[in-house]
C-alpha atoms as a PDB file:
ATOM      1  CA  MET A   1      -1.809  -0.042  -4.025  1.00  0.00           C
ATOM      2  CA  VAL A   2      -5.141   0.805  -5.607  1.00  0.00           C
ATOM      3  CA  HIS A   3      -6.888  -2.185  -7.164  1.00  0.00           C
ATOM      4  CA  VAL A   4      -8.625  -1.819 -10.518  1.00  0.00           C
ATOM      5  CA  LYS A   5     -11.911  -3.400 -11.538  1.00  0.00           C
ATOM      6  CA  ILE A   6     -13.002  -2.921 -15.132  1.00  0.00           C
ATOM      7  CA  CYS A   7     -16.755  -3.308 -15.218  1.00  0.00           C
ATOM      8  CA  GLY A   8     -19.296  -3.819 -17.950  1.00  0.00           C
ATOM      9  CA  VAL A   9     -17.096  -6.261 -19.859  1.00  0.00           C
ATOM     10  CA  THR A  10     -19.065  -7.828 -22.715  1.00  0.00           C
ATOM     11  CA  ASN A  11     -16.472  -9.468 -24.969  1.00  0.00           C
ATOM     12  CA  TRP A  12     -13.207 -11.379 -24.876  1.00  0.00           C
ATOM     13  CA  PRO A  13     -10.937  -8.814 -26.627  1.00  0.00           C
ATOM     14  CA  ASP A  14     -11.830  -6.181 -24.029  1.00  0.00           C
ATOM     15  CA  ALA A  15     -11.346  -8.649 -21.186  1.00  0.00           C
ATOM     16  CA  ARG A  16      -7.979  -9.811 -22.493  1.00  0.00           C
ATOM     17  CA  LEU A  17      -6.701  -6.254 -22.941  1.00  0.00           C
ATOM     18  CA  ALA A  18      -7.814  -5.231 -19.451  1.00  0.00           C
ATOM     19  CA  VAL A  19      -6.026  -8.229 -17.946  1.00  0.00           C
ATOM     20  CA  ASP A  20      -2.888  -7.669 -20.020  1.00  0.00           C
ATOM     21  CA  LEU A  21      -2.790  -4.076 -18.780  1.00  0.00           C
ATOM     22  CA  GLY A  22      -2.980  -5.166 -15.152  1.00  0.00           C
ATOM     23  CA  ALA A  23      -6.641  -5.067 -14.127  1.00  0.00           C
ATOM     24  CA  HIS A  24      -7.223  -7.006 -10.922  1.00  0.00           C
ATOM     25  CA  ALA A  25     -10.899  -7.797 -11.510  1.00  0.00           C
ATOM     26  CA  LEU A  26     -13.513  -7.818 -14.257  1.00  0.00           C
ATOM     27  CA  GLY A  27     -17.201  -7.125 -13.779  1.00  0.00           C
ATOM     28  CA  PHE A  28     -20.062  -8.795 -15.646  1.00  0.00           C
ATOM     29  CA  ASN A  29     -23.339  -6.898 -15.563  1.00  0.00           C
ATOM     30  CA  PHE A  30     -26.429  -9.092 -15.218  1.00  0.00           C
ATOM     31  CA  TYR A  31     -28.882  -6.191 -15.107  1.00  0.00           C
ATOM     32  CA  PRO A  32     -30.831  -6.455 -18.416  1.00  0.00           C
ATOM     33  CA  PRO A  33     -31.740  -2.740 -18.758  1.00  0.00           C
ATOM     34  CA  SER A  34     -28.059  -1.814 -18.743  1.00  0.00           C
ATOM     35  CA  PRO A  35     -26.395  -1.256 -22.138  1.00  0.00           C
ATOM     36  CA  ARG A  36     -23.500  -3.250 -20.702  1.00  0.00           C
ATOM     37  CA  SER A  37     -25.539  -6.294 -19.755  1.00  0.00           C
ATOM     38  CA  ILE A  38     -24.251  -9.730 -20.664  1.00  0.00           C
ATOM     39  CA  SER A  39     -25.818 -13.165 -20.715  1.00  0.00           C
ATOM     40  CA  PRO A  40     -24.579 -15.799 -18.268  1.00  0.00           C
ATOM     41  CA  ALA A  41     -23.415 -17.956 -21.176  1.00  0.00           C
ATOM     42  CA  ALA A  42     -21.357 -15.141 -22.692  1.00  0.00           C
ATOM     43  CA  ALA A  43     -19.896 -14.266 -19.294  1.00  0.00           C
ATOM     44  CA  TRP A  44     -18.821 -17.872 -18.774  1.00  0.00           C
ATOM     45  CA  GLU A  45     -17.055 -17.963 -22.144  1.00  0.00           C
ATOM     46  CA  ILE A  46     -14.965 -15.004 -20.997  1.00  0.00           C
ATOM     47  CA  ALA A  47     -14.471 -16.033 -17.374  1.00  0.00           C
ATOM     48  CA  ARG A  48     -13.215 -19.526 -18.164  1.00  0.00           C
ATOM     49  CA  LYS A  49     -10.314 -18.091 -20.199  1.00  0.00           C
ATOM     50  CA  LEU A  50      -9.062 -15.713 -17.520  1.00  0.00           C
ATOM     51  CA  PRO A  51      -5.903 -16.239 -15.463  1.00  0.00           C
ATOM     52  CA  PRO A  52      -6.644 -17.567 -11.962  1.00  0.00           C
ATOM     53  CA  LEU A  53      -5.489 -14.405 -10.179  1.00  0.00           C
ATOM     54  CA  VAL A  54      -7.984 -12.171 -11.987  1.00  0.00           C
ATOM     55  CA  ALA A  55     -11.178 -11.903  -9.950  1.00  0.00           C
ATOM     56  CA  THR A  56     -14.568 -12.192 -11.622  1.00  0.00           C
ATOM     57  CA  VAL A  57     -17.490 -10.237 -10.202  1.00  0.00           C
ATOM     58  CA  GLY A  58     -21.158 -10.461 -11.137  1.00  0.00           C
ATOM     59  CA  VAL A  59     -23.219  -7.270 -10.905  1.00  0.00           C
ATOM     60  CA  PHE A  60     -26.825  -7.772  -9.786  1.00  0.00           C
ATOM     61  CA  VAL A  61     -29.719  -5.409  -9.098  1.00  0.00           C
ATOM     62  CA  ASN A  62     -32.445  -6.545  -6.697  1.00  0.00           C
ATOM     63  CA  TRP A  63     -32.189 -10.249  -7.501  1.00  0.00           C
ATOM     64  CA  PRO A  64     -33.270 -12.725  -4.806  1.00  0.00           C
ATOM     65  CA  ALA A  65     -30.207 -13.825  -2.865  1.00  0.00           C
ATOM     66  CA  GLU A  66     -30.747 -17.486  -3.698  1.00  0.00           C
ATOM     67  CA  VAL A  67     -30.847 -16.718  -7.434  1.00  0.00           C
ATOM     68  CA  VAL A  68     -27.674 -14.642  -7.186  1.00  0.00           C
ATOM     69  CA  ALA A  69     -25.969 -17.488  -5.338  1.00  0.00           C
ATOM     70  CA  ALA A  70     -27.082 -20.071  -7.886  1.00  0.00           C
ATOM     71  CA  LEU A  71     -25.816 -18.105 -10.885  1.00  0.00           C
ATOM     72  CA  ALA A  72     -22.601 -16.983  -9.208  1.00  0.00           C
ATOM     73  CA  GLY A  73     -21.911 -20.569  -8.206  1.00  0.00           C
ATOM     74  CA  ALA A  74     -22.611 -21.917 -11.677  1.00  0.00           C
ATOM     75  CA  LEU A  75     -20.261 -19.361 -13.247  1.00  0.00           C
ATOM     76  CA  ARG A  76     -17.652 -19.839 -10.502  1.00  0.00           C
ATOM     77  CA  LEU A  77     -17.557 -16.124  -9.822  1.00  0.00           C
ATOM     78  CA  ASP A  78     -15.230 -14.847  -7.129  1.00  0.00           C
ATOM     79  CA  GLY A  79     -17.589 -12.141  -5.982  1.00  0.00           C
ATOM     80  CA  VAL A  80     -20.969 -10.511  -6.367  1.00  0.00           C
ATOM     81  CA  GLN A  81     -21.727  -6.806  -6.513  1.00  0.00           C
ATOM     82  CA  LEU A  82     -25.164  -5.813  -5.265  1.00  0.00           C
ATOM     83  CA  HIS A  83     -26.228  -2.570  -6.887  1.00  0.00           C
ATOM     84  CA  GLY A  84     -29.845  -2.297  -5.800  1.00  0.00           C
ATOM     85  CA  ASP A  85     -31.832  -2.048  -2.589  1.00  0.00           C
ATOM     86  CA  GLU A  86     -30.593  -5.297  -1.077  1.00  0.00           C
ATOM     87  CA  GLN A  87     -30.966  -5.641   2.672  1.00  0.00           C
ATOM     88  CA  PRO A  88     -28.229  -6.502   5.216  1.00  0.00           C
ATOM     89  CA  GLY A  89     -29.612 -10.017   5.664  1.00  0.00           C
ATOM     90  CA  GLU A  90     -29.212 -10.764   1.955  1.00  0.00           C
ATOM     91  CA  VAL A  91     -25.637  -9.528   2.042  1.00  0.00           C
ATOM     92  CA  ARG A  92     -24.947 -11.679   5.090  1.00  0.00           C
ATOM     93  CA  ASP A  93     -26.384 -14.782   3.411  1.00  0.00           C
ATOM     94  CA  LEU A  94     -24.317 -14.300   0.259  1.00  0.00           C
ATOM     95  CA  ALA A  95     -21.164 -13.457   2.212  1.00  0.00           C
ATOM     96  CA  ALA A  96     -21.111 -17.027   3.506  1.00  0.00           C
ATOM     97  CA  ARG A  97     -20.131 -18.153  -0.010  1.00  0.00           C
ATOM     98  CA  PHE A  98     -18.825 -15.146  -1.920  1.00  0.00           C
ATOM     99  CA  ARG A  99     -17.034 -11.875  -1.505  1.00  0.00           C
ATOM    100  CA  VAL A 100     -19.805  -9.292  -1.542  1.00  0.00           C
ATOM    101  CA  ILE A 101     -19.452  -5.717  -2.730  1.00  0.00           C
ATOM    102  CA  LYS A 102     -22.401  -3.588  -1.645  1.00  0.00           C
ATOM    103  CA  ALA A 103     -22.880  -0.557  -3.861  1.00  0.00           C
ATOM    104  CA  PHE A 104     -24.389   2.766  -2.841  1.00  0.00           C
ATOM    105  CA  ALA A 105     -25.372   5.730  -5.005  1.00  0.00           C
ATOM    106  CA  VAL A 106     -24.023   8.834  -3.309  1.00  0.00           C
ATOM    107  CA  GLY A 107     -26.789  11.388  -3.766  1.00  0.00           C
ATOM    108  CA  THR A 108     -28.157  14.117  -1.535  1.00  0.00           C
ATOM    109  CA  ARG A 109     -30.078  11.580   0.564  1.00  0.00           C
ATOM    110  CA  PHE A 110     -27.144   9.249   1.100  1.00  0.00           C
ATOM    111  CA  LYS A 111     -25.982   8.855   4.683  1.00  0.00           C
ATOM    112  CA  LEU A 112     -22.525   7.467   5.306  1.00  0.00           C
ATOM    113  CA  GLU A 113     -23.781   5.715   8.426  1.00  0.00           C
ATOM    114  CA  ALA A 114     -25.790   3.352   6.195  1.00  0.00           C
ATOM    115  CA  LEU A 115     -22.607   1.370   5.595  1.00  0.00           C
ATOM    116  CA  ALA A 116     -22.567   0.244   9.216  1.00  0.00           C
ATOM    117  CA  ARG A 117     -25.609  -1.952   8.568  1.00  0.00           C
ATOM    118  CA  TYR A 118     -23.717  -4.032   6.005  1.00  0.00           C
ATOM    119  CA  LYS A 119     -20.839  -5.356   8.093  1.00  0.00           C
ATOM    120  CA  ALA A 120     -20.821  -8.665   6.212  1.00  0.00           C
ATOM    121  CA  ALA A 121     -19.780  -6.970   2.969  1.00  0.00           C
ATOM    122  CA  SER A 122     -16.184  -7.439   1.851  1.00  0.00           C
ATOM    123  CA  ALA A 123     -16.154  -3.922   0.416  1.00  0.00           C
ATOM    124  CA  PHE A 124     -18.382  -0.951  -0.271  1.00  0.00           C
ATOM    125  CA  LEU A 125     -18.675   0.665  -3.683  1.00  0.00           C
ATOM    126  CA  LEU A 126     -19.611   4.343  -3.685  1.00  0.00           C
ATOM    127  CA  ASP A 127     -20.967   5.456  -7.036  1.00  0.00           C
ATOM    128  CA  GLY A 128     -22.116   8.733  -8.511  1.00  0.00           C
ATOM    129  CA  TYR A 129     -25.866   9.279  -8.333  1.00  0.00           C
ATOM    130  CA  ARG A 130     -28.230   9.712 -11.249  1.00  0.00           C
ATOM    131  CA  SER A 131     -31.972   9.305 -10.831  1.00  0.00           C
ATOM    132  CA  GLY A 132     -33.348   6.051 -12.213  1.00  0.00           C
ATOM    133  CA  LEU A 133     -29.977   4.414 -12.843  1.00  0.00           C
ATOM    134  CA  TYR A 134     -28.271   1.603 -10.962  1.00  0.00           C
ATOM    135  CA  GLY A 135     -24.603   2.237 -11.682  1.00  0.00           C
ATOM    136  CA  GLY A 136     -22.903   3.183 -14.925  1.00  0.00           C
ATOM    137  CA  THR A 137     -24.044   6.770 -14.396  1.00  0.00           C
ATOM    138  CA  GLY A 138     -20.867   8.459 -15.562  1.00  0.00           C
ATOM    139  CA  TYR A 139     -21.405  10.951 -12.726  1.00  0.00           C
ATOM    140  CA  THR A 140     -18.645  11.660 -10.241  1.00  0.00           C
ATOM    141  CA  GLY A 141     -19.399  11.511  -6.549  1.00  0.00           C
ATOM    142  CA  ASP A 142     -17.912  13.201  -3.506  1.00  0.00           C
ATOM    143  CA  TRP A 143     -14.350  11.890  -3.350  1.00  0.00           C
ATOM    144  CA  ARG A 144     -13.804  13.238   0.169  1.00  0.00           C
ATOM    145  CA  LEU A 145     -16.799  11.238   1.347  1.00  0.00           C
ATOM    146  CA  VAL A 146     -15.165   8.091  -0.001  1.00  0.00           C
ATOM    147  CA  ARG A 147     -12.130   8.868   2.112  1.00  0.00           C
ATOM    148  CA  GLU A 148     -14.314   9.230   5.201  1.00  0.00           C
ATOM    149  CA  ALA A 149     -16.087   5.955   4.413  1.00  0.00           C
ATOM    150  CA  ARG A 150     -12.896   3.979   4.909  1.00  0.00           C
ATOM    151  CA  ARG A 151     -13.611   3.757   8.617  1.00  0.00           C
ATOM    152  CA  TYR A 152     -16.354   1.244   7.757  1.00  0.00           C
ATOM    153  CA  GLY A 153     -14.123  -1.031   5.677  1.00  0.00           C
ATOM    154  CA  ARG A 154     -12.662  -1.298   2.202  1.00  0.00           C
ATOM    155  CA  VAL A 155     -14.078   1.274  -0.187  1.00  0.00           C
ATOM    156  CA  ILE A 156     -14.166   1.128  -3.975  1.00  0.00           C
ATOM    157  CA  LEU A 157     -14.585   4.407  -5.831  1.00  0.00           C
ATOM    158  CA  ALA A 158     -16.807   4.490  -8.918  1.00  0.00           C
ATOM    159  CA  GLY A 159     -18.639   7.048 -10.993  1.00  0.00           C
ATOM    160  CA  GLY A 160     -17.291   9.248 -13.767  1.00  0.00           C
ATOM    161  CA  LEU A 161     -13.721   7.986 -13.561  1.00  0.00           C
ATOM    162  CA  ARG A 162     -11.721   8.672 -16.708  1.00  0.00           C
ATOM    163  CA  PRO A 163      -8.054   8.795 -17.682  1.00  0.00           C
ATOM    164  CA  ASP A 164      -8.011  12.567 -17.147  1.00  0.00           C
ATOM    165  CA  ASN A 165      -9.310  12.517 -13.564  1.00  0.00           C
ATOM    166  CA  VAL A 166      -8.479   9.121 -12.084  1.00  0.00           C
ATOM    167  CA  ALA A 167      -5.136  10.168 -10.577  1.00  0.00           C
ATOM    168  CA  GLN A 168      -6.740  13.114  -8.789  1.00  0.00           C
ATOM    169  CA  ALA A 169      -9.600  10.900  -7.628  1.00  0.00           C
ATOM    170  CA  ILE A 170      -7.193   8.372  -6.144  1.00  0.00           C
ATOM    171  CA  ALA A 171      -5.182  11.090  -4.409  1.00  0.00           C
ATOM    172  CA  GLU A 172      -8.268  12.680  -2.854  1.00  0.00           C
ATOM    173  CA  ALA A 173     -10.321   9.582  -2.040  1.00  0.00           C
ATOM    174  CA  GLN A 174      -7.497   7.141  -1.202  1.00  0.00           C
ATOM    175  CA  PRO A 175      -9.746   4.154  -1.965  1.00  0.00           C
ATOM    176  CA  PHE A 176      -8.968   0.469  -1.746  1.00  0.00           C
ATOM    177  CA  GLY A 177      -9.943   0.185  -5.394  1.00  0.00           C
ATOM    178  CA  ILE A 178     -11.587   1.863  -8.349  1.00  0.00           C
ATOM    179  CA  ASP A 179     -14.365   0.614 -10.605  1.00  0.00           C
ATOM    180  CA  VAL A 180     -14.455   1.925 -14.166  1.00  0.00           C
ATOM    181  CA  ALA A 181     -16.957   1.264 -16.945  1.00  0.00           C
ATOM    182  CA  SER A 182     -18.167   4.149 -19.105  1.00  0.00           C
ATOM    183  CA  GLY A 183     -14.976   6.158 -18.639  1.00  0.00           C
ATOM    184  CA  VAL A 184     -13.007   3.825 -20.914  1.00  0.00           C
ATOM    185  CA  GLU A 185     -15.639   3.096 -23.555  1.00  0.00           C
ATOM    186  CA  SER A 186     -15.956   3.989 -27.212  1.00  0.00           C
ATOM    187  CA  ARG A 187     -19.653   3.146 -26.898  1.00  0.00           C
ATOM    188  CA  PRO A 188     -21.719   1.441 -24.181  1.00  0.00           C
ATOM    189  CA  GLY A 189     -20.455  -2.103 -23.784  1.00  0.00           C
ATOM    190  CA  LYS A 190     -17.308  -1.642 -25.892  1.00  0.00           C
ATOM    191  CA  LYS A 191     -14.034  -0.546 -24.363  1.00  0.00           C
ATOM    192  CA  ASP A 192     -11.759   1.979 -26.043  1.00  0.00           C
ATOM    193  CA  PRO A 193      -8.280   0.404 -26.088  1.00  0.00           C
ATOM    194  CA  ASP A 194      -6.475   3.747 -26.000  1.00  0.00           C
ATOM    195  CA  ALA A 195      -8.573   5.052 -23.111  1.00  0.00           C
ATOM    196  CA  LEU A 196      -8.065   1.814 -21.189  1.00  0.00           C
ATOM    197  CA  ARG A 197      -4.301   1.970 -21.683  1.00  0.00           C
ATOM    198  CA  GLU A 198      -4.187   5.604 -20.598  1.00  0.00           C
ATOM    199  CA  LEU A 199      -6.292   4.898 -17.521  1.00  0.00           C
ATOM    200  CA  MET A 200      -4.025   2.075 -16.408  1.00  0.00           C
ATOM    201  CA  ARG A 201      -0.946   4.267 -16.929  1.00  0.00           C
ATOM    202  CA  GLU A 202      -2.497   6.952 -14.736  1.00  0.00           C
ATOM    203  CA  VAL A 203      -3.344   4.426 -12.026  1.00  0.00           C
ATOM    204  CA  GLU A 204       0.181   3.030 -12.104  1.00  0.00           C
ATOM    205  CA  ALA A 205       1.587   6.552 -11.745  1.00  0.00           C
ATOM    206  CA  ALA A 206      -0.765   7.260  -8.838  1.00  0.00           C
ATOM    207  CA  ASN A 207       0.313   4.030  -7.139  1.00  0.00           C
ATOM    208  CA  ARG A 208       3.980   4.948  -7.559  1.00  0.00           C
ATOM    209  CA  ALA A 209       3.347   8.390  -6.091  1.00  0.00           C
ATOM    210  CA  ALA A 210       1.539   6.875  -3.113  1.00  0.00           C
ATOM    211  CA  ASP A 211       4.369   4.396  -2.528  1.00  0.00           C
ATOM    212  CA  SER A 212       6.885   7.237  -2.671  1.00  0.00           C
ATOM    213  CA  ASP A 213       4.897   9.277  -0.146  1.00  0.00           C
ATOM    214  CA  SER A 214       4.687   6.268   2.172  1.00  0.00           C
ATOM    215  CA  ALA A 215       8.421   5.690   1.912  1.00  0.00           C
ATOM    216  CA  ARG A 216       9.161   9.339   2.704  1.00  0.00           C
ATOM    217  CA  HIS A 217       6.777   9.222   5.668  1.00  0.00           C
ATOM    218  CA  PHE A 218       8.536   6.114   7.010  1.00  0.00           C
ATOM    219  CA  GLN A 219      11.964   7.677   6.539  1.00  0.00           C
ATOM    220  CA  ASP A 220      10.889  10.892   8.286  1.00  0.00           C
ATOM    221  CA  HIS A 221       9.420   8.892  11.156  1.00  0.00           C
ATOM    222  CA  PHE A 222      12.581   6.772  11.441  1.00  0.00           C
ATOM    223  CA  GLN A 223      14.853   9.816  11.417  1.00  0.00           C
ATOM    224  CA  GLU A 224      12.703  11.536  14.032  1.00  0.00           C
ATOM    225  CA  LYS A 225      12.888   8.449  16.234  1.00  0.00           C
ATOM    226  CA  LYS A 226      16.692   8.285  15.895  1.00  0.00           C
ATOM    227  CA  THR A 227      16.968  11.968  16.806  1.00  0.00           C
ATOM    228  CA  ARG A 228      14.892  11.452  19.947  1.00  0.00           C
ATOM    229  CA  GLU A 229      17.010   8.460  20.965  1.00  0.00           C
ATOM    230  CA  LYS A 230      20.228  10.478  20.632  1.00  0.00           C
ATOM    231  CA  LYS A 231      18.838  13.108  22.953  1.00  0.00           C
END
């Protein structure tokens, strides 16, 4: 099953709809230059109303690890997403208290082997690259590369995901999860209810297809084994 994180949540109606539709996690962006940024106080007002099984993730860009830990602790966040140039030691320090998602922009200079340096991370987020931006680029990345990255751990696919391409992205990348922000917005920071509903329908269909493929693979394997035993 592919997990869904809706990122760049700035208001309660969007958060409630995402949860009602089955989102597994919500992301709060604490990077002030982002059009989806939110204040800690506003994030807390949303987070405190959420069901306990919905994960809350704070998105940070090049904050000192101790400041990230202090804010994440105060807001009782389940995880932190590091979207800047954070070093492995910072990830390791934060991983002692929180689930850490380390994000990478997949541009021409990106090397997949870089993930090996961040073994303490709970998951890796591979995002589309756009010069000067830390996430929320709206650019798609190399989905096949995401599939290859799974050998380093759990991989979350981000970048340019929309209702019209998310099923294909899931089929090609086979990620642990997806992270969607701009692809379901009516404007930066405001989700489009129809787009969000359509996206979640497409993800559900992709999950059903994957489950069906797995079941067929198991049945084929079982039948093959029975045939060998009869011989």
